[in-house]
Amino acid sequence: MEIFIWIILAIVFFSLEMLTGSFILLWFGVSSLIAAILNYLHFDFYTQFGAFLIVSIILLAYTKKFSIKVTPETNKKTTAERLIGKEAKVIRKIDDENIIVKVSGEEWSAYAKNNVNIGDIVKVCGIESIKLIVE
């Protein structure tokens, strides 16, 4: 009966790996299959579970560099950080320093380092709190 549990666990781990693509759950699936083989060879549950843990740890440790290399890196920049270096158009002037700019199709509050007028093109050079800094 335990062999079916190990096989079901392997199927679950392989299925979840296909959904995530992280190369982590794959090794638990392989370890589950090894535990199922040990069950088939009539080893006791503690040996099966120990093999599951040991093989999982070894596979995770030795393939960590590979999995980091093949897993796509997520872009960790916030939306505002991606705007640094882009050009923006001044669409509203509140006072000498505070303006509203349009950049990448979105309106943002901004601090102007220089005196700007409506319609001027400015460059986003930083972020302070929730406002862009432009010059």
C-alpha atoms as a PDB file:
ATOM      1  CA  MET A   1       0.000   0.000   0.000  1.00  0.00           C
ATOM      2  CA  GLU A   2       2.868   2.400   0.782  1.00  0.00           C
ATOM      3  CA  ILE A   3       4.190   2.061  -2.740  1.00  0.00           C
ATOM      4  CA  PHE A   4       1.048   3.759  -4.067  1.00  0.00           C
ATOM      5  CA  ILE A   5       1.529   6.633  -1.629  1.00  0.00           C
ATOM      6  CA  TRP A   6       5.109   7.155  -2.868  1.00  0.00           C
ATOM      7  CA  ILE A   7       3.982   6.962  -6.505  1.00  0.00           C
ATOM      8  CA  ILE A   8       1.144   9.420  -5.890  1.00  0.00           C
ATOM      9  CA  LEU A   9       3.592  11.765  -4.133  1.00  0.00           C
ATOM     10  CA  ALA A  10       5.958  11.518  -7.113  1.00  0.00           C
ATOM     11  CA  ILE A  11       3.134  12.329  -9.531  1.00  0.00           C
ATOM     12  CA  VAL A  12       2.080  15.299  -7.390  1.00  0.00           C
ATOM     13  CA  PHE A  13       5.652  16.642  -7.187  1.00  0.00           C
ATOM     14  CA  PHE A  14       6.228  16.205 -10.939  1.00  0.00           C
ATOM     15  CA  SER A  15       2.883  17.889 -11.726  1.00  0.00           C
ATOM     16  CA  LEU A  16       3.618  20.831  -9.447  1.00  0.00           C
ATOM     17  CA  GLU A  17       7.092  21.128 -10.971  1.00  0.00           C
ATOM     18  CA  MET A  18       5.551  21.455 -14.427  1.00  0.00           C
ATOM     19  CA  LEU A  19       3.413  24.316 -13.123  1.00  0.00           C
ATOM     20  CA  THR A  20       6.247  26.175 -11.370  1.00  0.00           C
ATOM     21  CA  GLY A  21       9.359  25.279 -13.372  1.00  0.00           C
ATOM     22  CA  SER A  22      11.608  25.955 -10.388  1.00  0.00           C
ATOM     23  CA  PHE A  23      13.680  22.722 -10.446  1.00  0.00           C
ATOM     24  CA  ILE A  24      12.994  22.186  -6.741  1.00  0.00           C
ATOM     25  CA  LEU A  25       9.932  19.959  -6.684  1.00  0.00           C
ATOM     26  CA  LEU A  26      11.453  17.771  -9.394  1.00  0.00           C
ATOM     27  CA  TRP A  27      13.979  16.396  -6.915  1.00  0.00           C
ATOM     28  CA  PHE A  28      11.270  15.514  -4.395  1.00  0.00           C
ATOM     29  CA  GLY A  29       9.541  13.593  -7.174  1.00  0.00           C
ATOM     30  CA  VAL A  30      12.734  11.683  -7.935  1.00  0.00           C
ATOM     31  CA  SER A  31      13.187  10.972  -4.220  1.00  0.00           C
ATOM     32  CA  SER A  32       9.606   9.689  -4.020  1.00  0.00           C
ATOM     33  CA  LEU A  33      10.300   7.294  -6.872  1.00  0.00           C
ATOM     34  CA  ILE A  34      13.428   6.016  -5.106  1.00  0.00           C
ATOM     35  CA  ALA A  35      11.377   5.473  -1.942  1.00  0.00           C
ATOM     36  CA  ALA A  36       8.794   3.583  -4.042  1.00  0.00           C
ATOM     37  CA  ILE A  37      11.567   1.343  -5.414  1.00  0.00           C
ATOM     38  CA  LEU A  38      12.779   0.676  -1.869  1.00  0.00           C
ATOM     39  CA  ASN A  39       9.220  -0.208  -0.891  1.00  0.00           C
ATOM     40  CA  TYR A  40       9.041  -2.620  -3.815  1.00  0.00           C
ATOM     41  CA  LEU A  41      12.266  -4.228  -2.554  1.00  0.00           C
ATOM     42  CA  HIS A  42      10.575  -4.676   0.881  1.00  0.00           C
ATOM     43  CA  PHE A  43      12.593  -2.150   2.880  1.00  0.00           C
ATOM     44  CA  ASP A  44      10.843  -0.802   5.986  1.00  0.00           C
ATOM     45  CA  PHE A  45       9.131   2.594   6.058  1.00  0.00           C
ATOM     46  CA  TYR A  46      11.903   4.303   8.047  1.00  0.00           C
ATOM     47  CA  THR A  47      14.492   3.298   5.447  1.00  0.00           C
ATOM     48  CA  GLN A  48      12.217   4.542   2.660  1.00  0.00           C
ATOM     49  CA  PHE A  49      11.583   7.845   4.405  1.00  0.00           C
ATOM     50  CA  GLY A  50      15.282   8.250   5.279  1.00  0.00           C
ATOM     51  CA  ALA A  51      16.234   7.631   1.660  1.00  0.00           C
ATOM     52  CA  PHE A  52      13.589  10.132   0.557  1.00  0.00           C
ATOM     53  CA  LEU A  53      15.075  12.815   2.832  1.00  0.00           C
ATOM     54  CA  ILE A  54      18.727  12.074   2.075  1.00  0.00           C
ATOM     55  CA  VAL A  55      18.273  11.889  -1.703  1.00  0.00           C
ATOM     56  CA  SER A  56      16.189  15.094  -1.655  1.00  0.00           C
ATOM     57  CA  ILE A  57      18.843  16.985   0.298  1.00  0.00           C
ATOM     58  CA  ILE A  58      21.692  15.704  -1.879  1.00  0.00           C
ATOM     59  CA  LEU A  59      19.877  16.548  -5.134  1.00  0.00           C
ATOM     60  CA  LEU A  60      18.914  20.002  -3.882  1.00  0.00           C
ATOM     61  CA  ALA A  61      22.455  20.746  -2.704  1.00  0.00           C
ATOM     62  CA  TYR A  62      24.233  19.580  -5.848  1.00  0.00           C
ATOM     63  CA  THR A  63      21.867  21.147  -8.336  1.00  0.00           C
ATOM     64  CA  LYS A  64      21.348  24.539  -6.681  1.00  0.00           C
ATOM     65  CA  LYS A  65      23.783  26.358  -9.017  1.00  0.00           C
ATOM     66  CA  PHE A  66      22.220  24.709 -12.069  1.00  0.00           C
ATOM     67  CA  SER A  67      18.686  25.604 -11.019  1.00  0.00           C
ATOM     68  CA  ILE A  68      19.654  29.225 -10.387  1.00  0.00           C
ATOM     69  CA  LYS A  69      21.262  29.387 -13.838  1.00  0.00           C
ATOM     70  CA  VAL A  70      18.267  27.990 -15.742  1.00  0.00           C
ATOM     71  CA  THR A  71      15.516  29.691 -13.732  1.00  0.00           C
ATOM     72  CA  PRO A  72      14.640  33.055 -15.296  1.00  0.00           C
ATOM     73  CA  GLU A  73      15.481  36.026 -13.106  1.00  0.00           C
ATOM     74  CA  THR A  74      12.494  38.071 -12.066  1.00  0.00           C
ATOM     75  CA  ASN A  75      12.674  41.796 -12.510  1.00  0.00           C
ATOM     76  CA  LYS A  76      12.707  43.126  -8.971  1.00  0.00           C
ATOM     77  CA  LYS A  77      12.513  46.790  -9.861  1.00  0.00           C
ATOM     78  CA  THR A  78       9.379  48.622  -8.882  1.00  0.00           C
ATOM     79  CA  THR A  79       7.392  50.462 -11.502  1.00  0.00           C
ATOM     80  CA  ALA A  80       8.828  53.787 -10.408  1.00  0.00           C
ATOM     81  CA  GLU A  81      12.429  52.482 -10.521  1.00  0.00           C
ATOM     82  CA  ARG A  82      11.920  51.428 -14.141  1.00  0.00           C
ATOM     83  CA  LEU A  83      11.111  55.027 -15.019  1.00  0.00           C
ATOM     84  CA  ILE A  84      14.520  56.382 -14.016  1.00  0.00           C
ATOM     85  CA  GLY A  85      16.300  57.652 -17.102  1.00  0.00           C
ATOM     86  CA  LYS A  86      13.130  58.007 -19.184  1.00  0.00           C
ATOM     87  CA  GLU A  87      11.794  61.222 -20.612  1.00  0.00           C
ATOM     88  CA  ALA A  88       8.552  62.691 -19.311  1.00  0.00           C
ATOM     89  CA  LYS A  89       6.304  65.507 -20.463  1.00  0.00           C
ATOM     90  CA  VAL A  90       5.134  68.178 -18.022  1.00  0.00           C
ATOM     91  CA  ILE A  91       1.331  68.270 -18.200  1.00  0.00           C
ATOM     92  CA  ARG A  92       0.491  70.360 -15.132  1.00  0.00           C
ATOM     93  CA  LYS A  93       2.363  72.834 -12.957  1.00  0.00           C
ATOM     94  CA  ILE A  94       1.285  73.101  -9.339  1.00  0.00           C
ATOM     95  CA  ASP A  95       4.038  75.472  -8.184  1.00  0.00           C
ATOM     96  CA  ASP A  96       7.721  76.068  -9.003  1.00  0.00           C
ATOM     97  CA  GLU A  97       8.829  72.684  -7.669  1.00  0.00           C
ATOM     98  CA  ASN A  98       5.749  70.441  -7.778  1.00  0.00           C
ATOM     99  CA  ILE A  99       4.507  69.298 -11.171  1.00  0.00           C
ATOM    100  CA  ILE A 100       2.576  66.480 -12.817  1.00  0.00           C
ATOM    101  CA  VAL A 101       4.368  64.606 -15.582  1.00  0.00           C
ATOM    102  CA  LYS A 102       3.315  61.937 -18.043  1.00  0.00           C
ATOM    103  CA  VAL A 103       5.823  59.144 -18.536  1.00  0.00           C
ATOM    104  CA  SER A 104       5.233  55.737 -20.133  1.00  0.00           C
ATOM    105  CA  GLY A 105       1.548  56.565 -20.476  1.00  0.00           C
ATOM    106  CA  GLU A 106       1.063  57.253 -16.758  1.00  0.00           C
ATOM    107  CA  GLU A 107       0.721  60.477 -14.782  1.00  0.00           C
ATOM    108  CA  TRP A 108       3.084  60.970 -11.856  1.00  0.00           C
ATOM    109  CA  SER A 109       3.641  63.665  -9.262  1.00  0.00           C
ATOM    110  CA  ALA A 110       7.149  65.015  -9.502  1.00  0.00           C
ATOM    111  CA  TYR A 111       9.632  67.462  -8.021  1.00  0.00           C
ATOM    112  CA  ALA A 112      11.327  69.653 -10.585  1.00  0.00           C
ATOM    113  CA  LYS A 113      14.942  70.591  -9.832  1.00  0.00           C
ATOM    114  CA  ASN A 114      14.795  73.372 -12.421  1.00  0.00           C
ATOM    115  CA  ASN A 115      12.037  75.762 -13.339  1.00  0.00           C
ATOM    116  CA  VAL A 116       9.897  74.014 -15.969  1.00  0.00           C
ATOM    117  CA  ASN A 117       6.781  74.909 -17.916  1.00  0.00           C
ATOM    118  CA  ILE A 118       3.820  72.923 -19.201  1.00  0.00           C
ATOM    119  CA  GLY A 119       4.789  71.001 -22.324  1.00  0.00           C
ATOM    120  CA  ASP A 120       8.510  70.773 -21.452  1.00  0.00           C
ATOM    121  CA  ILE A 121      10.260  67.434 -21.789  1.00  0.00           C
ATOM    122  CA  VAL A 122      12.151  66.458 -18.632  1.00  0.00           C
ATOM    123  CA  LYS A 123      14.239  63.474 -17.626  1.00  0.00           C
ATOM    124  CA  VAL A 124      13.409  61.290 -14.611  1.00  0.00           C
ATOM    125  CA  CYS A 125      16.545  61.172 -12.468  1.00  0.00           C
ATOM    126  CA  GLY A 126      15.296  59.643  -9.222  1.00  0.00           C
ATOM    127  CA  ILE A 127      12.515  58.864  -6.793  1.00  0.00           C
ATOM    128  CA  GLU A 128      11.735  60.428  -3.428  1.00  0.00           C
ATOM    129  CA  SER A 129       8.913  58.824  -1.490  1.00  0.00           C
ATOM    130  CA  ILE A 130       6.113  58.507  -4.080  1.00  0.00           C
ATOM    131  CA  LYS A 131       7.230  61.377  -6.312  1.00  0.00           C
ATOM    132  CA  LEU A 132       9.589  61.332  -9.227  1.00  0.00           C
ATOM    133  CA  ILE A 133      12.521  63.718  -9.311  1.00  0.00           C
ATOM    134  CA  VAL A 134      12.958  65.311 -12.719  1.00  0.00           C
ATOM    135  CA  GLU A 135      15.323  67.803 -14.283  1.00  0.00           C
END
